[in-house]
Amino acid sequence: MKPSALFSVITVSKQNLEGLKRTHHSLESQSFRDFEWLVIDGASTDGTQDFLKTTTAKWSSEKDDGPFDAMNVGIKHARGDYLLFLNAGDVLAKPETLEKIAKIITEKQPDFIYGDSLETGNNAQPFYKAAGRYKDLPKGMFTHHQAMFYRLKNIRENDLWYSVIYEIASDYEFTAKFLKNAKKIVYAPLPVCVFESGGLSQKRARTGRREEFMIRDSMKMTGMAENVTIFALQTLAWNARRWFPGLYEKAKKPKDPQNSSGQSLEESHKNNG
């Protein structure tokens, strides 16, 4: 099926009307307009449906089995070439974000694009958080899920879906499975999203680490000794972040903050090589 837009922006929402409005405003502010907005709402009763009727979103509102189940509904109905999961309350970093990513797509035609983020810190002031290397995925997620673009063709060809077994880390498994078969991966050195600290993944960080441990084991991403070491280092890093937030923010900033040119660094990837 021929894509109907360059991007499908999939937003999962439940009882979060104000957050949904922020996401809508961010998308409406984009200079690049070749995208569809799919909203999968979990039968909210806070006025979400009335609001969605005033937008151009393609949406549904019904009970689901959690956010990852809702994200699968979004995948099922997506018609864009690339998928971006931007949930209620998430916003893009700048009005020209999609425009810059679209330029990279035109030049590189990648299977997967990932970028940096702006993250709210200790004082709720966003700081620049550089992405890690995608090849370091066994050590943990290398950037925020909201800063990743997946080519829908690859998802369809490999029959990929989010597992509803995991509460927190299903996006980690999904990304690992996607990258295993991706042939062309591009890093975009620019902030894609604003990530608001304090969400479920951070409130239940230990659960997320435990699930990632299980995923690494089931996918044979590491040996057991390395897996245990990674879990211990993640726990140490998380505690250091809580105790010394200023040092964490400084460590995550890139050496050359915000390359405003939007040029991409192309990296080839095949079979985790």
C-alpha atoms as a PDB file:
ATOM      1  CA  MET A   1       0.000   0.000   0.000  1.00  0.00           C
ATOM      2  CA  LYS A   2       1.377   3.389  -1.001  1.00  0.00           C
ATOM      3  CA  PRO A   3       2.014   5.741   1.972  1.00  0.00           C
ATOM      4  CA  SER A   4      -0.518   8.568   2.292  1.00  0.00           C
ATOM      5  CA  ALA A   5       1.943  10.840   4.145  1.00  0.00           C
ATOM      6  CA  LEU A   6       5.614  10.935   5.031  1.00  0.00           C
ATOM      7  CA  PHE A   7       4.931  10.628   8.764  1.00  0.00           C
ATOM      8  CA  SER A   8       2.311   8.942  10.892  1.00  0.00           C
ATOM      9  CA  VAL A   9       2.440  10.520  14.335  1.00  0.00           C
ATOM     10  CA  ILE A  10       0.789   8.074  16.739  1.00  0.00           C
ATOM     11  CA  THR A  11      -0.477   9.455  20.035  1.00  0.00           C
ATOM     12  CA  VAL A  12      -1.739   7.233  22.843  1.00  0.00           C
ATOM     13  CA  SER A  13      -3.897   9.008  25.400  1.00  0.00           C
ATOM     14  CA  LYS A  14      -6.063   8.244  28.407  1.00  0.00           C
ATOM     15  CA  GLN A  15      -7.625  10.805  30.733  1.00  0.00           C
ATOM     16  CA  ASN A  16      -5.046  13.380  29.673  1.00  0.00           C
ATOM     17  CA  LEU A  17      -6.891  16.101  27.801  1.00  0.00           C
ATOM     18  CA  GLU A  18      -4.469  18.880  28.726  1.00  0.00           C
ATOM     19  CA  GLY A  19      -1.499  16.805  27.638  1.00  0.00           C
ATOM     20  CA  LEU A  20      -3.243  15.941  24.384  1.00  0.00           C
ATOM     21  CA  LYS A  21      -3.814  19.641  23.730  1.00  0.00           C
ATOM     22  CA  ARG A  22      -0.080  20.328  24.205  1.00  0.00           C
ATOM     23  CA  THR A  23       0.789  17.602  21.717  1.00  0.00           C
ATOM     24  CA  HIS A  24      -1.779  18.955  19.264  1.00  0.00           C
ATOM     25  CA  HIS A  25      -0.393  22.487  19.561  1.00  0.00           C
ATOM     26  CA  SER A  26       3.128  21.200  18.912  1.00  0.00           C
ATOM     27  CA  LEU A  27       2.046  19.380  15.763  1.00  0.00           C
ATOM     28  CA  GLU A  28       0.011  22.336  14.521  1.00  0.00           C
ATOM     29  CA  SER A  29       3.130  24.492  14.922  1.00  0.00           C
ATOM     30  CA  GLN A  30       5.218  22.329  12.582  1.00  0.00           C
ATOM     31  CA  SER A  31       6.450  23.983   9.400  1.00  0.00           C
ATOM     32  CA  PHE A  32       6.321  20.599   7.623  1.00  0.00           C
ATOM     33  CA  ARG A  33       2.764  19.443   7.028  1.00  0.00           C
ATOM     34  CA  ASP A  34       3.023  16.069   5.258  1.00  0.00           C
ATOM     35  CA  PHE A  35       1.937  13.965   8.230  1.00  0.00           C
ATOM     36  CA  GLU A  36      -1.153  12.292   9.631  1.00  0.00           C
ATOM     37  CA  TRP A  37      -2.022  12.385  13.317  1.00  0.00           C
ATOM     38  CA  LEU A  38      -3.489   9.203  14.763  1.00  0.00           C
ATOM     39  CA  VAL A  39      -4.872   9.396  18.300  1.00  0.00           C
ATOM     40  CA  ILE A  40      -5.677   6.156  20.103  1.00  0.00           C
ATOM     41  CA  ASP A  41      -7.657   7.099  23.197  1.00  0.00           C
ATOM     42  CA  GLY A  42      -8.465   4.686  25.998  1.00  0.00           C
ATOM     43  CA  ALA A  43     -12.141   5.621  26.383  1.00  0.00           C
ATOM     44  CA  SER A  44     -11.416   8.839  28.275  1.00  0.00           C
ATOM     45  CA  THR A  45     -14.235  10.660  30.058  1.00  0.00           C
ATOM     46  CA  ASP A  46     -12.472  14.036  30.447  1.00  0.00           C
ATOM     47  CA  GLY A  47     -13.654  15.705  27.240  1.00  0.00           C
ATOM     48  CA  THR A  48     -10.994  14.163  25.009  1.00  0.00           C
ATOM     49  CA  GLN A  49     -13.480  12.967  22.393  1.00  0.00           C
ATOM     50  CA  ASP A  50     -15.148  16.381  22.091  1.00  0.00           C
ATOM     51  CA  PHE A  51     -11.737  17.963  21.626  1.00  0.00           C
ATOM     52  CA  LEU A  52     -10.664  15.468  18.981  1.00  0.00           C
ATOM     53  CA  LYS A  53     -13.782  16.272  16.962  1.00  0.00           C
ATOM     54  CA  THR A  54     -12.405  19.799  16.524  1.00  0.00           C
ATOM     55  CA  THR A  55      -9.093  18.557  15.085  1.00  0.00           C
ATOM     56  CA  THR A  56      -7.994  16.858  11.874  1.00  0.00           C
ATOM     57  CA  ALA A  57      -6.819  13.779  13.779  1.00  0.00           C
ATOM     58  CA  LYS A  58      -7.848  10.273  12.812  1.00  0.00           C
ATOM     59  CA  TRP A  59      -8.901   8.857  16.139  1.00  0.00           C
ATOM     60  CA  SER A  60     -10.595   6.096  18.053  1.00  0.00           C
ATOM     61  CA  SER A  61     -11.744   5.939  21.666  1.00  0.00           C
ATOM     62  CA  GLU A  62     -12.320   2.564  23.289  1.00  0.00           C
ATOM     63  CA  LYS A  63     -11.036   0.444  26.132  1.00  0.00           C
ATOM     64  CA  ASP A  64      -7.677  -1.210  25.585  1.00  0.00           C
ATOM     65  CA  ASP A  65      -5.160  -3.392  27.407  1.00  0.00           C
ATOM     66  CA  GLY A  66      -2.730  -0.581  28.136  1.00  0.00           C
ATOM     67  CA  PRO A  67      -0.526   1.833  26.188  1.00  0.00           C
ATOM     68  CA  PHE A  68       1.345  -0.805  24.186  1.00  0.00           C
ATOM     69  CA  ASP A  69      -1.916  -2.380  23.051  1.00  0.00           C
ATOM     70  CA  ALA A  70      -3.038   1.098  21.961  1.00  0.00           C
ATOM     71  CA  MET A  71       0.237   1.633  20.099  1.00  0.00           C
ATOM     72  CA  ASN A  72      -0.452  -1.571  18.158  1.00  0.00           C
ATOM     73  CA  VAL A  73      -3.811  -0.125  17.121  1.00  0.00           C
ATOM     74  CA  GLY A  74      -1.914   2.905  15.837  1.00  0.00           C
ATOM     75  CA  ILE A  75       0.441   0.709  13.825  1.00  0.00           C
ATOM     76  CA  LYS A  76      -2.510  -1.156  12.343  1.00  0.00           C
ATOM     77  CA  HIS A  77      -4.109   2.038  11.031  1.00  0.00           C
ATOM     78  CA  ALA A  78      -0.957   3.974  10.095  1.00  0.00           C
ATOM     79  CA  ARG A  79      -0.509   4.950   6.463  1.00  0.00           C
ATOM     80  CA  GLY A  80       2.586   7.129   6.676  1.00  0.00           C
ATOM     81  CA  ASP A  81       6.055   6.097   5.504  1.00  0.00           C
ATOM     82  CA  TYR A  82       7.637   6.627   8.944  1.00  0.00           C
ATOM     83  CA  LEU A  83       6.114   6.226  12.396  1.00  0.00           C
ATOM     84  CA  LEU A  84       6.741   8.514  15.354  1.00  0.00           C
ATOM     85  CA  PHE A  85       5.194   7.661  18.720  1.00  0.00           C
ATOM     86  CA  LEU A  86       4.420  10.954  20.452  1.00  0.00           C
ATOM     87  CA  ASN A  87       2.079  10.307  23.338  1.00  0.00           C
ATOM     88  CA  ALA A  88      -0.288  12.759  25.032  1.00  0.00           C
ATOM     89  CA  GLY A  89       1.788  15.480  26.663  1.00  0.00           C
ATOM     90  CA  ASP A  90       4.844  14.858  24.474  1.00  0.00           C
ATOM     91  CA  VAL A  91       5.918  17.694  22.182  1.00  0.00           C
ATOM     92  CA  LEU A  92       8.429  18.150  19.396  1.00  0.00           C
ATOM     93  CA  ALA A  93      11.495  20.206  20.249  1.00  0.00           C
ATOM     94  CA  LYS A  94      11.040  22.937  17.625  1.00  0.00           C
ATOM     95  CA  PRO A  95       8.577  23.965  14.879  1.00  0.00           C
ATOM     96  CA  GLU A  96      11.085  22.884  12.221  1.00  0.00           C
ATOM     97  CA  THR A  97      11.767  19.427  13.690  1.00  0.00           C
ATOM     98  CA  LEU A  98       9.756  17.384  11.159  1.00  0.00           C
ATOM     99  CA  GLU A  99      11.070  19.548   8.332  1.00  0.00           C
ATOM    100  CA  LYS A 100      14.667  18.713   9.249  1.00  0.00           C
ATOM    101  CA  ILE A 101      13.914  15.008   9.619  1.00  0.00           C
ATOM    102  CA  ALA A 102      12.113  15.045   6.243  1.00  0.00           C
ATOM    103  CA  LYS A 103      15.215  16.543   4.624  1.00  0.00           C
ATOM    104  CA  ILE A 104      17.338  13.715   6.019  1.00  0.00           C
ATOM    105  CA  ILE A 105      14.832  11.163   4.692  1.00  0.00           C
ATOM    106  CA  THR A 106      15.004  12.683   1.222  1.00  0.00           C
ATOM    107  CA  GLU A 107      18.805  12.529   1.257  1.00  0.00           C
ATOM    108  CA  LYS A 108      19.361   9.173   2.953  1.00  0.00           C
ATOM    109  CA  GLN A 109      16.186   7.044   2.647  1.00  0.00           C
ATOM    110  CA  PRO A 110      16.900   5.234   5.945  1.00  0.00           C
ATOM    111  CA  ASP A 111      14.992   2.462   7.641  1.00  0.00           C
ATOM    112  CA  PHE A 112      15.391   4.138  11.019  1.00  0.00           C
ATOM    113  CA  ILE A 113      16.241   7.640  12.238  1.00  0.00           C
ATOM    114  CA  TYR A 114      16.987   8.683  15.787  1.00  0.00           C
ATOM    115  CA  GLY A 115      17.961  11.981  17.362  1.00  0.00           C
ATOM    116  CA  ASP A 116      18.642  13.800  20.600  1.00  0.00           C
ATOM    117  CA  SER A 117      16.161  15.157  23.146  1.00  0.00           C
ATOM    118  CA  LEU A 118      15.464  18.036  25.448  1.00  0.00           C
ATOM    119  CA  GLU A 119      14.659  16.717  28.905  1.00  0.00           C
ATOM    120  CA  THR A 120      13.188  18.565  31.854  1.00  0.00           C
ATOM    121  CA  GLY A 121      15.667  18.430  34.693  1.00  0.00           C
ATOM    122  CA  ASN A 122      15.819  19.060  38.412  1.00  0.00           C
ATOM    123  CA  ASN A 123      14.401  22.566  38.070  1.00  0.00           C
ATOM    124  CA  ALA A 124      11.949  21.672  35.291  1.00  0.00           C
ATOM    125  CA  GLN A 125      14.197  23.527  32.838  1.00  0.00           C
ATOM    126  CA  PRO A 126      14.941  21.451  29.726  1.00  0.00           C
ATOM    127  CA  PHE A 127      18.541  20.389  29.222  1.00  0.00           C
ATOM    128  CA  TYR A 128      20.051  18.936  26.078  1.00  0.00           C
ATOM    129  CA  LYS A 129      20.382  15.153  26.232  1.00  0.00           C
ATOM    130  CA  ALA A 130      22.486  13.643  23.476  1.00  0.00           C
ATOM    131  CA  ALA A 131      21.565  10.207  22.140  1.00  0.00           C
ATOM    132  CA  GLY A 132      23.908   7.292  22.579  1.00  0.00           C
ATOM    133  CA  ARG A 133      25.013   4.943  19.808  1.00  0.00           C
ATOM    134  CA  TYR A 134      22.363   2.559  18.519  1.00  0.00           C
ATOM    135  CA  LYS A 135      24.925  -0.267  18.617  1.00  0.00           C
ATOM    136  CA  ASP A 136      24.969   0.123  22.394  1.00  0.00           C
ATOM    137  CA  LEU A 137      21.328  -0.964  22.658  1.00  0.00           C
ATOM    138  CA  PRO A 138      22.262  -4.020  24.779  1.00  0.00           C
ATOM    139  CA  LYS A 139      23.296  -1.536  27.479  1.00  0.00           C
ATOM    140  CA  GLY A 140      19.867   0.104  27.448  1.00  0.00           C
ATOM    141  CA  MET A 141      17.762   2.439  25.318  1.00  0.00           C
ATOM    142  CA  PHE A 142      20.086   4.867  23.514  1.00  0.00           C
ATOM    143  CA  THR A 143      17.588   7.720  23.220  1.00  0.00           C
ATOM    144  CA  HIS A 144      13.981   8.457  24.136  1.00  0.00           C
ATOM    145  CA  HIS A 145      11.300   6.545  22.264  1.00  0.00           C
ATOM    146  CA  GLN A 146       9.810   9.882  21.194  1.00  0.00           C
ATOM    147  CA  ALA A 147      13.009  10.651  19.263  1.00  0.00           C
ATOM    148  CA  MET A 148      12.863   7.570  16.994  1.00  0.00           C
ATOM    149  CA  PHE A 149      11.340   7.217  13.525  1.00  0.00           C
ATOM    150  CA  TYR A 150      10.572   3.691  12.271  1.00  0.00           C
ATOM    151  CA  ARG A 151       9.886   2.937   8.627  1.00  0.00           C
ATOM    152  CA  LEU A 152       6.450   1.348   8.387  1.00  0.00           C
ATOM    153  CA  LYS A 153       7.474  -0.895   5.489  1.00  0.00           C
ATOM    154  CA  ASN A 154      10.001  -2.663   7.732  1.00  0.00           C
ATOM    155  CA  ILE A 155       7.422  -3.092  10.500  1.00  0.00           C
ATOM    156  CA  ARG A 156       4.956  -4.672   8.090  1.00  0.00           C
ATOM    157  CA  GLU A 157       7.538  -6.937   6.427  1.00  0.00           C
ATOM    158  CA  ASN A 158       8.744  -8.292   9.771  1.00  0.00           C
ATOM    159  CA  ASP A 159       5.284  -8.432  11.390  1.00  0.00           C
ATOM    160  CA  LEU A 160       6.398  -6.376  14.391  1.00  0.00           C
ATOM    161  CA  TRP A 161       4.072  -5.481  17.249  1.00  0.00           C
ATOM    162  CA  TYR A 162       4.492  -4.233  20.794  1.00  0.00           C
ATOM    163  CA  SER A 163       4.288  -7.005  23.362  1.00  0.00           C
ATOM    164  CA  VAL A 164       1.635  -6.491  26.048  1.00  0.00           C
ATOM    165  CA  ILE A 165       3.531  -8.823  28.382  1.00  0.00           C
ATOM    166  CA  TYR A 166       5.784  -6.003  29.568  1.00  0.00           C
ATOM    167  CA  GLU A 167       4.530  -3.002  31.526  1.00  0.00           C
ATOM    168  CA  ILE A 168       7.426  -0.620  30.839  1.00  0.00           C
ATOM    169  CA  ALA A 169      10.041  -1.985  28.428  1.00  0.00           C
ATOM    170  CA  SER A 170       8.020  -3.190  25.444  1.00  0.00           C
ATOM    171  CA  ASP A 171       9.429  -0.285  23.417  1.00  0.00           C
ATOM    172  CA  TYR A 172      12.934  -1.604  24.171  1.00  0.00           C
ATOM    173  CA  GLU A 173      12.040  -5.037  22.782  1.00  0.00           C
ATOM    174  CA  PHE A 174      10.256  -3.521  19.769  1.00  0.00           C
ATOM    175  CA  THR A 175      13.277  -1.367  18.922  1.00  0.00           C
ATOM    176  CA  ALA A 176      15.696  -4.279  19.336  1.00  0.00           C
ATOM    177  CA  LYS A 177      13.652  -6.446  16.981  1.00  0.00           C
ATOM    178  CA  PHE A 178      13.313  -3.614  14.469  1.00  0.00           C
ATOM    179  CA  LEU A 179      17.042  -2.830  14.419  1.00  0.00           C
ATOM    180  CA  LYS A 180      17.929  -6.495  14.006  1.00  0.00           C
ATOM    181  CA  ASN A 181      16.571  -6.323  10.461  1.00  0.00           C
ATOM    182  CA  ALA A 182      17.209  -2.658   9.625  1.00  0.00           C
ATOM    183  CA  LYS A 183      19.852  -2.120   6.942  1.00  0.00           C
ATOM    184  CA  LYS A 184      20.215   1.657   7.038  1.00  0.00           C
ATOM    185  CA  ILE A 185      20.217   3.671  10.259  1.00  0.00           C
ATOM    186  CA  VAL A 186      20.780   7.402  10.500  1.00  0.00           C
ATOM    187  CA  TYR A 187      21.543   9.549  13.515  1.00  0.00           C
ATOM    188  CA  ALA A 188      20.205  13.111  13.351  1.00  0.00           C
ATOM    189  CA  PRO A 189      22.227  15.410  15.663  1.00  0.00           C
ATOM    190  CA  LEU A 190      19.326  17.595  16.660  1.00  0.00           C
ATOM    191  CA  PRO A 191      16.732  17.539  19.453  1.00  0.00           C
ATOM    192  CA  VAL A 192      13.577  15.771  18.275  1.00  0.00           C
ATOM    193  CA  CYS A 193      11.360  15.858  21.350  1.00  0.00           C
ATOM    194  CA  VAL A 194      10.959  17.383  24.784  1.00  0.00           C
ATOM    195  CA  PHE A 195      10.851  14.581  27.334  1.00  0.00           C
ATOM    196  CA  GLU A 196       9.104  15.419  30.584  1.00  0.00           C
ATOM    197  CA  SER A 197      10.707  13.720  33.572  1.00  0.00           C
ATOM    198  CA  GLY A 198       8.585  11.975  36.158  1.00  0.00           C
ATOM    199  CA  GLY A 199       6.586   9.678  33.885  1.00  0.00           C
ATOM    200  CA  LEU A 200       5.731   6.019  34.413  1.00  0.00           C
ATOM    201  CA  SER A 201       9.054   4.757  33.081  1.00  0.00           C
ATOM    202  CA  GLN A 202      10.877   6.776  35.723  1.00  0.00           C
ATOM    203  CA  LYS A 203       8.445   6.181  38.552  1.00  0.00           C
ATOM    204  CA  ARG A 204       8.817   2.448  37.945  1.00  0.00           C
ATOM    205  CA  ALA A 205      12.421   2.464  36.802  1.00  0.00           C
ATOM    206  CA  ARG A 206      13.327  -0.762  38.604  1.00  0.00           C
ATOM    207  CA  THR A 207      10.521  -2.613  36.806  1.00  0.00           C
ATOM    208  CA  GLY A 208      11.800  -1.253  33.521  1.00  0.00           C
ATOM    209  CA  ARG A 209      15.352  -2.391  34.247  1.00  0.00           C
ATOM    210  CA  ARG A 210      14.127  -5.840  35.235  1.00  0.00           C
ATOM    211  CA  GLU A 211      12.103  -6.168  32.028  1.00  0.00           C
ATOM    212  CA  GLU A 212      15.066  -5.038  29.922  1.00  0.00           C
ATOM    213  CA  PHE A 213      17.130  -7.750  31.651  1.00  0.00           C
ATOM    214  CA  MET A 214      14.523 -10.322  30.617  1.00  0.00           C
ATOM    215  CA  ILE A 215      14.442  -9.014  27.038  1.00  0.00           C
ATOM    216  CA  ARG A 216      18.236  -9.134  26.673  1.00  0.00           C
ATOM    217  CA  ASP A 217      18.170 -12.707  27.968  1.00  0.00           C
ATOM    218  CA  SER A 218      15.307 -13.888  25.738  1.00  0.00           C
ATOM    219  CA  MET A 219      16.803 -12.263  22.610  1.00  0.00           C
ATOM    220  CA  LYS A 220      20.343 -13.475  23.394  1.00  0.00           C
ATOM    221  CA  MET A 221      21.643  -9.909  23.212  1.00  0.00           C
ATOM    222  CA  THR A 222      24.279 -10.565  25.880  1.00  0.00           C
ATOM    223  CA  GLY A 223      25.664 -13.372  27.986  1.00  0.00           C
ATOM    224  CA  MET A 224      24.344 -13.762  31.532  1.00  0.00           C
ATOM    225  CA  ALA A 225      27.409 -12.234  33.210  1.00  0.00           C
ATOM    226  CA  GLU A 226      27.270  -9.158  30.973  1.00  0.00           C
ATOM    227  CA  ASN A 227      23.526  -8.883  31.490  1.00  0.00           C
ATOM    228  CA  VAL A 228      23.956  -8.851  35.275  1.00  0.00           C
ATOM    229  CA  THR A 229      26.690  -6.235  34.968  1.00  0.00           C
ATOM    230  CA  ILE A 230      24.507  -4.018  32.785  1.00  0.00           C
ATOM    231  CA  PHE A 231      21.653  -4.265  35.289  1.00  0.00           C
ATOM    232  CA  ALA A 232      23.990  -3.264  38.133  1.00  0.00           C
ATOM    233  CA  LEU A 233      25.429  -0.318  36.172  1.00  0.00           C
ATOM    234  CA  GLN A 234      21.942   0.879  35.222  1.00  0.00           C
ATOM    235  CA  THR A 235      20.920   0.792  38.868  1.00  0.00           C
ATOM    236  CA  LEU A 236      24.034   2.714  39.854  1.00  0.00           C
ATOM    237  CA  ALA A 237      23.439   5.306  37.132  1.00  0.00           C
ATOM    238  CA  TRP A 238      19.809   5.744  38.189  1.00  0.00           C
ATOM    239  CA  ASN A 239      20.772   6.345  41.806  1.00  0.00           C
ATOM    240  CA  ALA A 240      23.497   8.761  40.744  1.00  0.00           C
ATOM    241  CA  ARG A 241      20.929  10.666  38.721  1.00  0.00           C
ATOM    242  CA  ARG A 242      18.652  10.986  41.754  1.00  0.00           C
ATOM    243  CA  TRP A 243      21.455  11.992  44.098  1.00  0.00           C
ATOM    244  CA  PHE A 244      23.477  14.214  41.743  1.00  0.00           C
ATOM    245  CA  PRO A 245      21.083  15.561  39.078  1.00  0.00           C
ATOM    246  CA  GLY A 246      23.389  18.407  38.082  1.00  0.00           C
ATOM    247  CA  LEU A 247      26.249  16.051  37.248  1.00  0.00           C
ATOM    248  CA  TYR A 248      23.842  13.813  35.315  1.00  0.00           C
ATOM    249  CA  GLU A 249      22.647  16.719  33.175  1.00  0.00           C
ATOM    250  CA  LYS A 250      26.218  17.802  32.488  1.00  0.00           C
ATOM    251  CA  ALA A 251      27.244  14.272  31.495  1.00  0.00           C
ATOM    252  CA  LYS A 252      24.361  13.906  29.034  1.00  0.00           C
ATOM    253  CA  LYS A 253      25.029  17.138  27.164  1.00  0.00           C
ATOM    254  CA  PRO A 254      26.817  16.726  23.827  1.00  0.00           C
ATOM    255  CA  LYS A 255      30.285  18.179  23.323  1.00  0.00           C
ATOM    256  CA  ASP A 256      28.904  20.279  20.488  1.00  0.00           C
ATOM    257  CA  PRO A 257      25.313  21.147  21.598  1.00  0.00           C
ATOM    258  CA  GLN A 258      22.609  21.575  18.995  1.00  0.00           C
ATOM    259  CA  ASN A 259      24.006  21.258  15.512  1.00  0.00           C
ATOM    260  CA  SER A 260      21.447  23.591  13.971  1.00  0.00           C
ATOM    261  CA  SER A 261      22.344  22.546  10.435  1.00  0.00           C
ATOM    262  CA  GLY A 262      20.405  19.303  10.908  1.00  0.00           C
ATOM    263  CA  GLN A 263      23.042  17.306   9.009  1.00  0.00           C
ATOM    264  CA  SER A 264      22.886  13.573   9.589  1.00  0.00           C
ATOM    265  CA  LEU A 265      25.541  11.014  10.382  1.00  0.00           C
ATOM    266  CA  GLU A 266      24.793   7.865   8.400  1.00  0.00           C
ATOM    267  CA  GLU A 267      25.588   4.503   9.905  1.00  0.00           C
ATOM    268  CA  SER A 268      24.984   1.176   8.187  1.00  0.00           C
ATOM    269  CA  HIS A 269      23.553  -1.658  10.238  1.00  0.00           C
ATOM    270  CA  LYS A 270      22.795  -5.219   9.314  1.00  0.00           C
ATOM    271  CA  ASN A 271      22.104  -8.169  11.576  1.00  0.00           C
ATOM    272  CA  ASN A 272      23.488  -6.319  14.617  1.00  0.00           C
ATOM    273  CA  GLY A 273      26.867  -6.064  12.858  1.00  0.00           C
END
